[in-house]
PDB file of N, CA and C in Angstrom:
ATOM      1  N   MET A   1       0.831  -1.181   0.000  1.00  0.00           N
ATOM      2  CA  MET A   1       0.000   0.000   0.000  1.00  0.00           C
ATOM      3  C   MET A   1       0.888   1.262   0.000  1.00  0.00           C
ATOM      4  N   LEU A   2       1.994   1.209   0.712  1.00  0.00           N
ATOM      5  CA  LEU A   2       2.901   2.339   0.736  1.00  0.00           C
ATOM      6  C   LEU A   2       3.433   2.651  -0.658  1.00  0.00           C
ATOM      7  N   ARG A   3       3.735   1.606  -1.431  1.00  0.00           N
ATOM      8  CA  ARG A   3       4.210   1.814  -2.802  1.00  0.00           C
ATOM      9  C   ARG A   3       3.153   2.496  -3.652  1.00  0.00           C
ATOM     10  N   MET A   4       1.901   2.099  -3.471  1.00  0.00           N
ATOM     11  CA  MET A   4       0.809   2.684  -4.248  1.00  0.00           C
ATOM     12  C   MET A   4       0.661   4.165  -3.923  1.00  0.00           C
ATOM     13  N   LEU A   5       0.713   4.512  -2.645  1.00  0.00           N
ATOM     14  CA  LEU A   5       0.597   5.916  -2.261  1.00  0.00           C
ATOM     15  C   LEU A   5       1.771   6.729  -2.790  1.00  0.00           C
ATOM     16  N   LEU A   6       2.949   6.144  -2.771  1.00  0.00           N
ATOM     17  CA  LEU A   6       4.120   6.818  -3.325  1.00  0.00           C
ATOM     18  C   LEU A   6       3.951   7.037  -4.827  1.00  0.00           C
ATOM     19  N   ALA A   7       3.420   6.025  -5.523  1.00  0.00           N
ATOM     20  CA  ALA A   7       3.198   6.152  -6.966  1.00  0.00           C
ATOM     21  C   ALA A   7       2.212   7.274  -7.258  1.00  0.00           C
ATOM     22  N   VAL A   8       1.132   7.358  -6.483  1.00  0.00           N
ATOM     23  CA  VAL A   8       0.145   8.427  -6.668  1.00  0.00           C
ATOM     24  C   VAL A   8       0.806   9.784  -6.438  1.00  0.00           C
ATOM     25  N   ALA A   9       1.592   9.887  -5.375  1.00  0.00           N
ATOM     26  CA  ALA A   9       2.264  11.153  -5.079  1.00  0.00           C
ATOM     27  C   ALA A   9       3.204  11.555  -6.208  1.00  0.00           C
ATOM     28  N   LEU A  10       3.938  10.601  -6.757  1.00  0.00           N
ATOM     29  CA  LEU A  10       4.861  10.914  -7.843  1.00  0.00           C
ATOM     30  C   LEU A  10       4.135  11.325  -9.112  1.00  0.00           C
ATOM     31  N   LEU A  11       3.005  10.676  -9.391  1.00  0.00           N
ATOM     32  CA  LEU A  11       2.226  11.053 -10.573  1.00  0.00           C
ATOM     33  C   LEU A  11       1.657  12.454 -10.442  1.00  0.00           C
ATOM     34  N   LEU A  12       1.270  12.807  -9.243  1.00  0.00           N
ATOM     35  CA  LEU A  12       0.618  14.098  -9.041  1.00  0.00           C
ATOM     36  C   LEU A  12       1.604  15.211  -8.740  1.00  0.00           C
ATOM     37  N   LEU A  13       2.845  14.888  -8.534  1.00  0.00           N
ATOM     38  CA  LEU A  13       3.841  15.877  -8.176  1.00  0.00           C
ATOM     39  C   LEU A  13       3.896  17.060  -9.141  1.00  0.00           C
ATOM     40  N   PRO A  14       3.907  16.840 -10.467  1.00  0.00           N
ATOM     41  CA  PRO A  14       3.962  18.006 -11.359  1.00  0.00           C
ATOM     42  C   PRO A  14       2.762  18.933 -11.188  1.00  0.00           C
ATOM     43  N   VAL A  15       1.593  18.363 -10.945  1.00  0.00           N
ATOM     44  CA  VAL A  15       0.391  19.181 -10.790  1.00  0.00           C
ATOM     45  C   VAL A  15       0.420  19.899  -9.456  1.00  0.00           C
ATOM     46  N   VAL A  16       0.741  19.176  -8.392  1.00  0.00           N
ATOM     47  CA  VAL A  16       0.744  19.763  -7.066  1.00  0.00           C
ATOM     48  C   VAL A  16       1.851  20.808  -6.946  1.00  0.00           C
ATOM     49  N   ALA A  17       2.999  20.539  -7.534  1.00  0.00           N
ATOM     50  CA  ALA A  17       4.127  21.467  -7.436  1.00  0.00           C
ATOM     51  C   ALA A  17       3.771  22.826  -8.030  1.00  0.00           C
ATOM     52  N   LEU A  18       2.955  22.845  -9.037  1.00  0.00           N
ATOM     53  CA  LEU A  18       2.564  24.106  -9.647  1.00  0.00           C
ATOM     54  C   LEU A  18       1.584  24.878  -8.773  1.00  0.00           C
ATOM     55  N   ALA A  19       0.773  24.149  -8.009  1.00  0.00           N
ATOM     56  CA  ALA A  19      -0.226  24.742  -7.124  1.00  0.00           C
ATOM     57  C   ALA A  19      -1.061  25.791  -7.845  1.00  0.00           C
ATOM     58  N   GLU A  20      -1.472  25.467  -9.025  1.00  0.00           N
ATOM     59  CA  GLU A  20      -2.325  26.373  -9.800  1.00  0.00           C
ATOM     60  C   GLU A  20      -3.727  26.388  -9.197  1.00  0.00           C
ATOM     61  N   SER A  21      -4.352  27.532  -9.219  1.00  0.00           N
ATOM     62  CA  SER A  21      -5.747  27.595  -8.790  1.00  0.00           C
ATOM     63  C   SER A  21      -6.624  27.079  -9.936  1.00  0.00           C
ATOM     64  N   ALA A  22      -7.844  26.757  -9.602  1.00  0.00           N
ATOM     65  CA  ALA A  22      -8.783  26.314 -10.630  1.00  0.00           C
ATOM     66  C   ALA A  22      -8.980  27.414 -11.669  1.00  0.00           C
ATOM     67  N   GLU A  23      -9.003  28.657 -11.224  1.00  0.00           N
ATOM     68  CA  GLU A  23      -9.176  29.776 -12.151  1.00  0.00           C
ATOM     69  C   GLU A  23      -8.004  29.896 -13.119  1.00  0.00           C
ATOM     70  N   GLU A  24      -6.780  29.742 -12.602  1.00  0.00           N
ATOM     71  CA  GLU A  24      -5.598  29.821 -13.462  1.00  0.00           C
ATOM     72  C   GLU A  24      -5.595  28.697 -14.490  1.00  0.00           C
ATOM     73  N   MET A  25      -5.956  27.495 -14.048  1.00  0.00           N
ATOM     74  CA  MET A  25      -5.953  26.364 -14.983  1.00  0.00           C
ATOM     75  C   MET A  25      -7.105  26.479 -15.983  1.00  0.00           C
ATOM     76  N   LEU A  26      -8.240  26.976 -15.537  1.00  0.00           N
ATOM     77  CA  LEU A  26      -9.344  27.202 -16.465  1.00  0.00           C
ATOM     78  C   LEU A  26      -8.921  28.173 -17.555  1.00  0.00           C
ATOM     79  N   SER A  27      -8.205  29.213 -17.175  1.00  0.00           N
ATOM     80  CA  SER A  27      -7.690  30.173 -18.147  1.00  0.00           C
ATOM     81  C   SER A  27      -6.697  29.506 -19.102  1.00  0.00           C
ATOM     82  N   ALA A  28      -5.794  28.697 -18.551  1.00  0.00           N
ATOM     83  CA  ALA A  28      -4.798  28.002 -19.379  1.00  0.00           C
ATOM     84  C   ALA A  28      -5.453  27.002 -20.328  1.00  0.00           C
ATOM     85  N   CYS A  29      -6.575  26.440 -19.916  1.00  0.00           N
ATOM     86  CA  CYS A  29      -7.246  25.395 -20.714  1.00  0.00           C
ATOM     87  C   CYS A  29      -8.254  25.957 -21.714  1.00  0.00           C
ATOM     88  N   ARG A  30      -8.448  27.246 -21.708  1.00  0.00           N
ATOM     89  CA  ARG A  30      -9.495  27.857 -22.548  1.00  0.00           C
ATOM     90  C   ARG A  30      -9.401  27.448 -24.022  1.00  0.00           C
ATOM     91  N   LYS A  31      -8.206  27.525 -24.610  1.00  0.00           N
ATOM     92  CA  LYS A  31      -8.052  27.178 -26.027  1.00  0.00           C
ATOM     93  C   LYS A  31      -8.276  25.684 -26.270  1.00  0.00           C
ATOM     94  N   LEU A  32      -7.844  24.851 -25.325  1.00  0.00           N
ATOM     95  CA  LEU A  32      -8.035  23.398 -25.483  1.00  0.00           C
ATOM     96  C   LEU A  32      -9.496  23.007 -25.341  1.00  0.00           C
ATOM     97  N   ALA A  33     -10.213  23.691 -24.460  1.00  0.00           N
ATOM     98  CA  ALA A  33     -11.627  23.380 -24.272  1.00  0.00           C
ATOM     99  C   ALA A  33     -12.413  23.609 -25.559  1.00  0.00           C
ATOM    100  N   ASP A  34     -11.921  24.523 -26.397  1.00  0.00           N
ATOM    101  CA  ASP A  34     -12.596  24.831 -27.660  1.00  0.00           C
ATOM    102  C   ASP A  34     -11.883  24.243 -28.876  1.00  0.00           C
ATOM    103  N   ALA A  35     -10.864  23.399 -28.633  1.00  0.00           N
ATOM    104  CA  ALA A  35     -10.091  22.821 -29.750  1.00  0.00           C
ATOM    105  C   ALA A  35     -10.963  21.877 -30.565  1.00  0.00           C
ATOM    106  N   PRO A  36     -10.830  21.914 -31.891  1.00  0.00           N
ATOM    107  CA  PRO A  36     -11.613  21.011 -32.735  1.00  0.00           C
ATOM    108  C   PRO A  36     -11.173  19.561 -32.550  1.00  0.00           C
ATOM    109  N   VAL A  37     -12.157  18.674 -32.391  1.00  0.00           N
ATOM    110  CA  VAL A  37     -11.914  17.244 -32.249  1.00  0.00           C
ATOM    111  C   VAL A  37     -12.596  16.546 -33.410  1.00  0.00           C
ATOM    112  N   SER A  38     -11.865  15.657 -34.069  1.00  0.00           N
ATOM    113  CA  SER A  38     -12.411  14.886 -35.179  1.00  0.00           C
ATOM    114  C   SER A  38     -11.908  13.448 -35.061  1.00  0.00           C
ATOM    115  N   GLY A  39     -12.803  12.549 -34.654  1.00  0.00           N
ATOM    116  CA  GLY A  39     -12.399  11.161 -34.458  1.00  0.00           C
ATOM    117  C   GLY A  39     -11.372  11.068 -33.346  1.00  0.00           C
ATOM    118  N   ASP A  40     -10.205  10.532 -33.646  1.00  0.00           N
ATOM    119  CA  ASP A  40      -9.120  10.413 -32.672  1.00  0.00           C
ATOM    120  C   ASP A  40      -8.182  11.609 -32.691  1.00  0.00           C
ATOM    121  N   GLN A  41      -8.448  12.577 -33.531  1.00  0.00           N
ATOM    122  CA  GLN A  41      -7.553  13.714 -33.700  1.00  0.00           C
ATOM    123  C   GLN A  41      -8.071  14.951 -32.959  1.00  0.00           C
ATOM    124  N   VAL A  42      -7.144  15.633 -32.284  1.00  0.00           N
ATOM    125  CA  VAL A  42      -7.441  16.906 -31.628  1.00  0.00           C
ATOM    126  C   VAL A  42      -6.440  17.917 -32.154  1.00  0.00           C
ATOM    127  N   ARG A  43      -6.921  19.046 -32.613  1.00  0.00           N
ATOM    128  CA  ARG A  43      -6.026  20.097 -33.088  1.00  0.00           C
ATOM    129  C   ARG A  43      -5.610  20.944 -31.879  1.00  0.00           C
ATOM    130  N   LEU A  44      -4.412  20.647 -31.380  1.00  0.00           N
ATOM    131  CA  LEU A  44      -3.925  21.311 -30.179  1.00  0.00           C
ATOM    132  C   LEU A  44      -3.209  22.614 -30.506  1.00  0.00           C
ATOM    133  N   PRO A  45      -3.548  23.676 -29.802  1.00  0.00           N
ATOM    134  CA  PRO A  45      -2.790  24.910 -29.952  1.00  0.00           C
ATOM    135  C   PRO A  45      -1.376  24.673 -29.419  1.00  0.00           C
ATOM    136  N   SER A  46      -0.398  25.334 -29.986  1.00  0.00           N
ATOM    137  CA  SER A  46       0.984  25.134 -29.535  1.00  0.00           C
ATOM    138  C   SER A  46       1.478  26.362 -28.787  1.00  0.00           C
ATOM    139  N   ASP A  47       0.979  26.531 -27.573  1.00  0.00           N
ATOM    140  CA  ASP A  47       1.434  27.610 -26.710  1.00  0.00           C
ATOM    141  C   ASP A  47       1.630  27.045 -25.295  1.00  0.00           C
ATOM    142  N   PHE A  48       2.308  27.804 -24.446  1.00  0.00           N
ATOM    143  CA  PHE A  48       2.660  27.325 -23.113  1.00  0.00           C
ATOM    144  C   PHE A  48       1.438  26.933 -22.300  1.00  0.00           C
ATOM    145  N   ASP A  49       0.421  27.787 -22.264  1.00  0.00           N
ATOM    146  CA  ASP A  49      -0.765  27.505 -21.452  1.00  0.00           C
ATOM    147  C   ASP A  49      -1.445  26.208 -21.875  1.00  0.00           C
ATOM    148  N   SER A  50      -1.580  26.000 -23.179  1.00  0.00           N
ATOM    149  CA  SER A  50      -2.213  24.774 -23.668  1.00  0.00           C
ATOM    150  C   SER A  50      -1.388  23.546 -23.287  1.00  0.00           C
ATOM    151  N   GLY A  51      -0.057  23.675 -23.364  1.00  0.00           N
ATOM    152  CA  GLY A  51       0.811  22.571 -22.967  1.00  0.00           C
ATOM    153  C   GLY A  51       0.702  22.277 -21.478  1.00  0.00           C
ATOM    154  N   LEU A  52       0.607  23.335 -20.670  1.00  0.00           N
ATOM    155  CA  LEU A  52       0.423  23.174 -19.231  1.00  0.00           C
ATOM    156  C   LEU A  52      -0.872  22.430 -18.940  1.00  0.00           C
ATOM    157  N   CYS A  53      -1.934  22.844 -19.580  1.00  0.00           N
ATOM    158  CA  CYS A  53      -3.241  22.215 -19.396  1.00  0.00           C
ATOM    159  C   CYS A  53      -3.210  20.753 -19.837  1.00  0.00           C
ATOM    160  N   TRP A  54      -2.687  20.502 -21.034  1.00  0.00           N
ATOM    161  CA  TRP A  54      -2.654  19.140 -21.581  1.00  0.00           C
ATOM    162  C   TRP A  54      -1.851  18.221 -20.665  1.00  0.00           C
ATOM    163  N   GLY A  55      -0.720  18.710 -20.166  1.00  0.00           N
ATOM    164  CA  GLY A  55       0.115  17.923 -19.270  1.00  0.00           C
ATOM    165  C   GLY A  55      -0.549  17.661 -17.929  1.00  0.00           C
ATOM    166  N   ALA A  56      -1.225  18.662 -17.387  1.00  0.00           N
ATOM    167  CA  ALA A  56      -1.925  18.486 -16.119  1.00  0.00           C
ATOM    168  C   ALA A  56      -3.004  17.418 -16.251  1.00  0.00           C
ATOM    169  N   PHE A  57      -3.725  17.440 -17.361  1.00  0.00           N
ATOM    170  CA  PHE A  57      -4.776  16.445 -17.542  1.00  0.00           C
ATOM    171  C   PHE A  57      -4.223  15.067 -17.895  1.00  0.00           C
ATOM    172  N   ALA A  58      -3.013  15.018 -18.430  1.00  0.00           N
ATOM    173  CA  ALA A  58      -2.355  13.719 -18.629  1.00  0.00           C
ATOM    174  C   ALA A  58      -2.088  13.084 -17.268  1.00  0.00           C
ATOM    175  N   SER A  59      -1.642  13.886 -16.313  1.00  0.00           N
ATOM    176  CA  SER A  59      -1.405  13.384 -14.952  1.00  0.00           C
ATOM    177  C   SER A  59      -2.711  12.940 -14.303  1.00  0.00           C
ATOM    178  N   ILE A  60      -3.726  13.739 -14.442  1.00  0.00           N
ATOM    179  CA  ILE A  60      -5.022  13.390 -13.854  1.00  0.00           C
ATOM    180  C   ILE A  60      -5.569  12.122 -14.497  1.00  0.00           C
ATOM    181  N   GLN A  61      -5.445  12.011 -15.805  1.00  0.00           N
ATOM    182  CA  GLN A  61      -5.934  10.828 -16.510  1.00  0.00           C
ATOM    183  C   GLN A  61      -5.248   9.570 -15.980  1.00  0.00           C
ATOM    184  N   SER A  62      -3.962   9.642 -15.713  1.00  0.00           N
ATOM    185  CA  SER A  62      -3.232   8.502 -15.146  1.00  0.00           C
ATOM    186  C   SER A  62      -3.659   8.246 -13.708  1.00  0.00           C
ATOM    187  N   ALA A  63      -3.795   9.301 -12.920  1.00  0.00           N
ATOM    188  CA  ALA A  63      -4.117   9.161 -11.505  1.00  0.00           C
ATOM    189  C   ALA A  63      -5.487   8.527 -11.276  1.00  0.00           C
ATOM    190  N   ILE A  64      -6.470   8.875 -12.101  1.00  0.00           N
ATOM    191  CA  ILE A  64      -7.820   8.335 -11.848  1.00  0.00           C
ATOM    192  C   ILE A  64      -7.933   6.863 -12.214  1.00  0.00           C
ATOM    193  N   LYS A  65      -6.943   6.328 -12.903  1.00  0.00           N
ATOM    194  CA  LYS A  65      -6.957   4.911 -13.267  1.00  0.00           C
ATOM    195  C   LYS A  65      -6.306   4.023 -12.212  1.00  0.00           C
ATOM    196  N   LEU A  66      -5.595   4.622 -11.251  1.00  0.00           N
ATOM    197  CA  LEU A  66      -4.873   3.832 -10.255  1.00  0.00           C
ATOM    198  C   LEU A  66      -5.823   3.064  -9.345  1.00  0.00           C
ATOM    199  N   GLN A  67      -5.502   1.804  -9.103  1.00  0.00           N
ATOM    200  CA  GLN A  67      -6.280   0.943  -8.239  1.00  0.00           C
ATOM    201  C   GLN A  67      -5.333   0.242  -7.273  1.00  0.00           C
ATOM    202  N   TYR A  68      -5.880  -0.189  -6.117  1.00  0.00           N
ATOM    203  CA  TYR A  68      -5.074  -1.000  -5.199  1.00  0.00           C
ATOM    204  C   TYR A  68      -4.764  -2.340  -5.847  1.00  0.00           C
ATOM    205  N   THR A  69      -5.812  -2.982  -6.356  1.00  0.00           N
ATOM    206  CA  THR A  69      -5.667  -4.248  -7.078  1.00  0.00           C
ATOM    207  C   THR A  69      -6.585  -4.188  -8.289  1.00  0.00           C
ATOM    208  N   ASP A  70      -6.471  -5.169  -9.169  1.00  0.00           N
ATOM    209  CA  ASP A  70      -7.276  -5.159 -10.397  1.00  0.00           C
ATOM    210  C   ASP A  70      -8.776  -5.249 -10.144  1.00  0.00           C
ATOM    211  N   ASP A  71      -9.186  -5.759  -8.998  1.00  0.00           N
ATOM    212  CA  ASP A  71     -10.616  -5.948  -8.756  1.00  0.00           C
ATOM    213  C   ASP A  71     -11.201  -4.932  -7.772  1.00  0.00           C
ATOM    214  N   THR A  72     -10.517  -3.818  -7.570  1.00  0.00           N
ATOM    215  CA  THR A  72     -11.034  -2.786  -6.671  1.00  0.00           C
ATOM    216  C   THR A  72     -11.327  -1.505  -7.445  1.00  0.00           C
ATOM    217  N   ALA A  73     -12.093  -0.653  -6.791  1.00  0.00           N
ATOM    218  CA  ALA A  73     -12.411   0.647  -7.394  1.00  0.00           C
ATOM    219  C   ALA A  73     -11.151   1.511  -7.411  1.00  0.00           C
ATOM    220  N   PRO A  74     -11.090   2.464  -8.301  1.00  0.00           N
ATOM    221  CA  PRO A  74      -9.934   3.364  -8.351  1.00  0.00           C
ATOM    222  C   PRO A  74      -9.729   4.087  -7.015  1.00  0.00           C
ATOM    223  N   ILE A  75      -8.489   4.371  -6.697  1.00  0.00           N
ATOM    224  CA  ILE A  75      -8.128   5.017  -5.437  1.00  0.00           C
ATOM    225  C   ILE A  75      -8.839   6.352  -5.268  1.00  0.00           C
ATOM    226  N   LEU A  76      -8.914   7.133  -6.334  1.00  0.00           N
ATOM    227  CA  LEU A  76      -9.526   8.459  -6.247  1.00  0.00           C
ATOM    228  C   LEU A  76     -11.040   8.435  -6.397  1.00  0.00           C
ATOM    229  N   ARG A  77     -11.615   7.242  -6.507  1.00  0.00           N
ATOM    230  CA  ARG A  77     -13.075   7.058  -6.603  1.00  0.00           C
ATOM    231  C   ARG A  77     -13.678   7.783  -7.807  1.00  0.00           C
ATOM    232  N   VAL A  78     -12.949   7.793  -8.908  1.00  0.00           N
ATOM    233  CA  VAL A  78     -13.442   8.299 -10.189  1.00  0.00           C
ATOM    234  C   VAL A  78     -13.513   7.091 -11.111  1.00  0.00           C
ATOM    235  N   CYS A  79     -14.707   6.702 -11.496  1.00  0.00           N
ATOM    236  CA  CYS A  79     -14.900   5.502 -12.310  1.00  0.00           C
ATOM    237  C   CYS A  79     -15.206   5.879 -13.764  1.00  0.00           C
ATOM    238  N   ALA A  80     -14.275   6.572 -14.371  1.00  0.00           N
ATOM    239  CA  ALA A  80     -14.428   6.953 -15.778  1.00  0.00           C
ATOM    240  C   ALA A  80     -14.310   5.706 -16.641  1.00  0.00           C
ATOM    241  N   PRO A  81     -15.124   5.613 -17.687  1.00  0.00           N
ATOM    242  CA  PRO A  81     -15.013   4.456 -18.572  1.00  0.00           C
ATOM    243  C   PRO A  81     -13.655   4.435 -19.274  1.00  0.00           C
ATOM    244  N   PRO A  82     -13.169   3.239 -19.596  1.00  0.00           N
ATOM    245  CA  PRO A  82     -11.874   3.143 -20.274  1.00  0.00           C
ATOM    246  C   PRO A  82     -11.816   3.946 -21.576  1.00  0.00           C
ATOM    247  N   SER A  83     -12.953   4.165 -22.195  1.00  0.00           N
ATOM    248  CA  SER A  83     -12.990   4.893 -23.464  1.00  0.00           C
ATOM    249  C   SER A  83     -12.966   6.412 -23.286  1.00  0.00           C
ATOM    250  N   SER A  84     -12.980   6.900 -22.040  1.00  0.00           N
ATOM    251  CA  SER A  84     -12.978   8.353 -21.840  1.00  0.00           C
ATOM    252  C   SER A  84     -11.655   8.946 -22.321  1.00  0.00           C
ATOM    253  N   ARG A  85     -11.743  10.131 -22.855  1.00  0.00           N
ATOM    254  CA  ARG A  85     -10.580  10.799 -23.452  1.00  0.00           C
ATOM    255  C   ARG A  85     -10.175  12.002 -22.617  1.00  0.00           C
ATOM    256  N   ARG A  86      -8.947  12.405 -22.789  1.00  0.00           N
ATOM    257  CA  ARG A  86      -8.428  13.555 -22.064  1.00  0.00           C
ATOM    258  C   ARG A  86      -9.264  14.799 -22.360  1.00  0.00           C
ATOM    259  N   THR A  87      -9.676  14.971 -23.593  1.00  0.00           N
ATOM    260  CA  THR A  87     -10.490  16.133 -23.942  1.00  0.00           C
ATOM    261  C   THR A  87     -11.820  16.119 -23.181  1.00  0.00           C
ATOM    262  N   GLN A  88     -12.364  14.937 -22.947  1.00  0.00           N
ATOM    263  CA  GLN A  88     -13.612  14.817 -22.194  1.00  0.00           C
ATOM    264  C   GLN A  88     -13.388  15.217 -20.735  1.00  0.00           C
ATOM    265  N   LEU A  89     -12.299  14.755 -20.140  1.00  0.00           N
ATOM    266  CA  LEU A  89     -11.988  15.104 -18.752  1.00  0.00           C
ATOM    267  C   LEU A  89     -11.808  16.615 -18.616  1.00  0.00           C
ATOM    268  N   LEU A  90     -11.118  17.193 -19.573  1.00  0.00           N
ATOM    269  CA  LEU A  90     -10.881  18.632 -19.595  1.00  0.00           C
ATOM    270  C   LEU A  90     -12.207  19.390 -19.701  1.00  0.00           C
ATOM    271  N   ALA A  91     -13.085  18.940 -20.566  1.00  0.00           N
ATOM    272  CA  ALA A  91     -14.380  19.606 -20.745  1.00  0.00           C
ATOM    273  C   ALA A  91     -15.225  19.521 -19.478  1.00  0.00           C
ATOM    274  N   ILE A  92     -15.156  18.385 -18.787  1.00  0.00           N
ATOM    275  CA  ILE A  92     -15.910  18.226 -17.536  1.00  0.00           C
ATOM    276  C   ILE A  92     -15.399  19.212 -16.488  1.00  0.00           C
ATOM    277  N   PHE A  93     -14.068  19.325 -16.373  1.00  0.00           N
ATOM    278  CA  PHE A  93     -13.493  20.290 -15.430  1.00  0.00           C
ATOM    279  C   PHE A  93     -13.914  21.707 -15.795  1.00  0.00           C
ATOM    280  N   ALA A  94     -13.801  22.069 -17.063  1.00  0.00           N
ATOM    281  CA  ALA A  94     -14.111  23.433 -17.494  1.00  0.00           C
ATOM    282  C   ALA A  94     -15.567  23.783 -17.194  1.00  0.00           C
ATOM    283  N   GLN A  95     -16.475  22.875 -17.490  1.00  0.00           N
ATOM    284  CA  GLN A  95     -17.896  23.134 -17.229  1.00  0.00           C
ATOM    285  C   GLN A  95     -18.165  23.255 -15.731  1.00  0.00           C
ATOM    286  N   TYR A  96     -17.578  22.355 -14.949  1.00  0.00           N
ATOM    287  CA  TYR A  96     -17.746  22.386 -13.492  1.00  0.00           C
ATOM    288  C   TYR A  96     -17.212  23.707 -12.934  1.00  0.00           C
ATOM    289  N   ALA A  97     -16.027  24.116 -13.371  1.00  0.00           N
ATOM    290  CA  ALA A  97     -15.424  25.351 -12.880  1.00  0.00           C
ATOM    291  C   ALA A  97     -16.295  26.564 -13.232  1.00  0.00           C
ATOM    292  N   ARG A  98     -16.852  26.572 -14.427  1.00  0.00           N
ATOM    293  CA  ARG A  98     -17.730  27.681 -14.827  1.00  0.00           C
ATOM    294  C   ARG A  98     -19.013  27.693 -14.000  1.00  0.00           C
ATOM    295  N   ASN A  99     -19.521  26.500 -13.665  1.00  0.00           N
ATOM    296  CA  ASN A  99     -20.754  26.387 -12.882  1.00  0.00           C
ATOM    297  C   ASN A  99     -20.540  26.638 -11.391  1.00  0.00           C
ATOM    298  N   HIS A 100     -19.281  26.635 -10.943  1.00  0.00           N
ATOM    299  CA  HIS A 100     -18.969  26.818  -9.527  1.00  0.00           C
ATOM    300  C   HIS A 100     -17.893  27.899  -9.352  1.00  0.00           C
ATOM    301  N   PRO A 101     -18.213  29.136  -9.701  1.00  0.00           N
ATOM    302  CA  PRO A 101     -17.209  30.203  -9.602  1.00  0.00           C
ATOM    303  C   PRO A 101     -16.721  30.419  -8.168  1.00  0.00           C
ATOM    304  N   GLU A 102     -17.485  29.997  -7.188  1.00  0.00           N
ATOM    305  CA  GLU A 102     -17.068  30.144  -5.795  1.00  0.00           C
ATOM    306  C   GLU A 102     -15.878  29.239  -5.447  1.00  0.00           C
ATOM    307  N   ARG A 103     -15.552  28.291  -6.333  1.00  0.00           N
ATOM    308  CA  ARG A 103     -14.434  27.364  -6.094  1.00  0.00           C
ATOM    309  C   ARG A 103     -13.196  27.711  -6.912  1.00  0.00           C
ATOM    310  N   LEU A 104     -13.237  28.771  -7.709  1.00  0.00           N
ATOM    311  CA  LEU A 104     -12.126  29.091  -8.599  1.00  0.00           C
ATOM    312  C   LEU A 104     -10.827  29.426  -7.859  1.00  0.00           C
ATOM    313  N   HIS A 105     -10.910  29.864  -6.630  1.00  0.00           N
ATOM    314  CA  HIS A 105      -9.705  30.178  -5.856  1.00  0.00           C
ATOM    315  C   HIS A 105      -9.031  28.915  -5.297  1.00  0.00           C
ATOM    316  N   GLU A 106      -9.732  27.787  -5.339  1.00  0.00           N
ATOM    317  CA  GLU A 106      -9.206  26.546  -4.769  1.00  0.00           C
ATOM    318  C   GLU A 106      -8.169  25.911  -5.683  1.00  0.00           C
ATOM    319  N   ASP A 107      -7.432  24.959  -5.131  1.00  0.00           N
ATOM    320  CA  ASP A 107      -6.421  24.225  -5.875  1.00  0.00           C
ATOM    321  C   ASP A 107      -7.031  23.518  -7.081  1.00  0.00           C
ATOM    322  N   PHE A 108      -6.372  23.636  -8.222  1.00  0.00           N
ATOM    323  CA  PHE A 108      -6.855  23.035  -9.459  1.00  0.00           C
ATOM    324  C   PHE A 108      -7.149  21.545  -9.313  1.00  0.00           C
ATOM    325  N   PHE A 109      -6.188  20.788  -8.765  1.00  0.00           N
ATOM    326  CA  PHE A 109      -6.377  19.341  -8.696  1.00  0.00           C
ATOM    327  C   PHE A 109      -7.614  18.988  -7.884  1.00  0.00           C
ATOM    328  N   LYS A 110      -7.823  19.669  -6.771  1.00  0.00           N
ATOM    329  CA  LYS A 110      -8.977  19.390  -5.920  1.00  0.00           C
ATOM    330  C   LYS A 110     -10.287  19.629  -6.677  1.00  0.00           C
ATOM    331  N   VAL A 111     -10.370  20.748  -7.375  1.00  0.00           N
ATOM    332  CA  VAL A 111     -11.599  21.073  -8.113  1.00  0.00           C
ATOM    333  C   VAL A 111     -11.800  20.091  -9.269  1.00  0.00           C
ATOM    334  N   ALA A 112     -10.725  19.763  -9.985  1.00  0.00           N
ATOM    335  CA  ALA A 112     -10.832  18.795 -11.082  1.00  0.00           C
ATOM    336  C   ALA A 112     -11.272  17.444 -10.552  1.00  0.00           C
ATOM    337  N   TRP A 113     -10.725  17.039  -9.418  1.00  0.00           N
ATOM    338  CA  TRP A 113     -11.092  15.750  -8.823  1.00  0.00           C
ATOM    339  C   TRP A 113     -12.581  15.730  -8.463  1.00  0.00           C
ATOM    340  N   PHE A 114     -13.084  16.794  -7.827  1.00  0.00           N
ATOM    341  CA  PHE A 114     -14.503  16.860  -7.493  1.00  0.00           C
ATOM    342  C   PHE A 114     -15.362  16.794  -8.757  1.00  0.00           C
ATOM    343  N   ALA A 115     -14.957  17.518  -9.786  1.00  0.00           N
ATOM    344  CA  ALA A 115     -15.722  17.535 -11.037  1.00  0.00           C
ATOM    345  C   ALA A 115     -15.790  16.137 -11.651  1.00  0.00           C
ATOM    346  N   LEU A 116     -14.657  15.465 -11.700  1.00  0.00           N
ATOM    347  CA  LEU A 116     -14.621  14.133 -12.313  1.00  0.00           C
ATOM    348  C   LEU A 116     -15.310  13.092 -11.442  1.00  0.00           C
ATOM    349  N   ARG A 117     -15.188  13.237 -10.135  1.00  0.00           N
ATOM    350  CA  ARG A 117     -15.872  12.304  -9.232  1.00  0.00           C
ATOM    351  C   ARG A 117     -17.384  12.451  -9.371  1.00  0.00           C
ATOM    352  N   ASP A 118     -17.850  13.694  -9.531  1.00  0.00           N
ATOM    353  CA  ASP A 118     -19.288  13.909  -9.749  1.00  0.00           C
ATOM    354  C   ASP A 118     -19.746  13.318 -11.081  1.00  0.00           C
ATOM    355  N   ALA A 119     -18.945  13.499 -12.100  1.00  0.00           N
ATOM    356  CA  ALA A 119     -19.314  13.031 -13.452  1.00  0.00           C
ATOM    357  C   ALA A 119     -19.240  11.516 -13.578  1.00  0.00           C
ATOM    358  N   PHE A 120     -18.253  10.920 -12.911  1.00  0.00           N
ATOM    359  CA  PHE A 120     -18.027   9.480 -13.027  1.00  0.00           C
ATOM    360  C   PHE A 120     -18.006   8.825 -11.656  1.00  0.00           C
ATOM    361  N   SER A 121     -19.108   8.962 -10.930  1.00  0.00           N
ATOM    362  CA  SER A 121     -19.152   8.387  -9.588  1.00  0.00           C
ATOM    363  C   SER A 121     -19.115   6.862  -9.657  1.00  0.00           C
ATOM    364  N   CYS A 122     -18.451   6.269  -8.680  1.00  0.00           N
ATOM    365  CA  CYS A 122     -18.357   4.811  -8.619  1.00  0.00           C
ATOM    366  C   CYS A 122     -19.617   4.279  -7.936  1.00  0.00           C
ATOM    367  N   LYS A 123     -20.103   3.190  -8.407  1.00  0.00           N
ATOM    368  CA  LYS A 123     -21.327   2.590  -7.846  1.00  0.00           C
ATOM    369  C   LYS A 123     -20.984   1.739  -6.629  1.00  0.00           C
TER     370      LYS A 123
END
């Protein structure tokens, strides 16, 4: 169990180290939230903010898949289907953040986690 917690901490380190607020990350993700998606292709803007957003959601996408064992619920209690895409996770966060402006001052990861847990609650 200690190894699993260490793995989670290491995966989240880049996100936590930045300590971005939900408002800052929402701003950074603005162009990606509106990026055109066609099939498996996403037209990503090539600027620092978009890269920051894409990387943060890559970490979150990995973190929500972590389980203690193969037959248990994910550690973070986000039961997103295996077919969910990073763009979908990003859109869920963006919509949640817009609907909850009172939480924009909070830590990005915390707000994203709440948004995804609400969207993909485990049964």
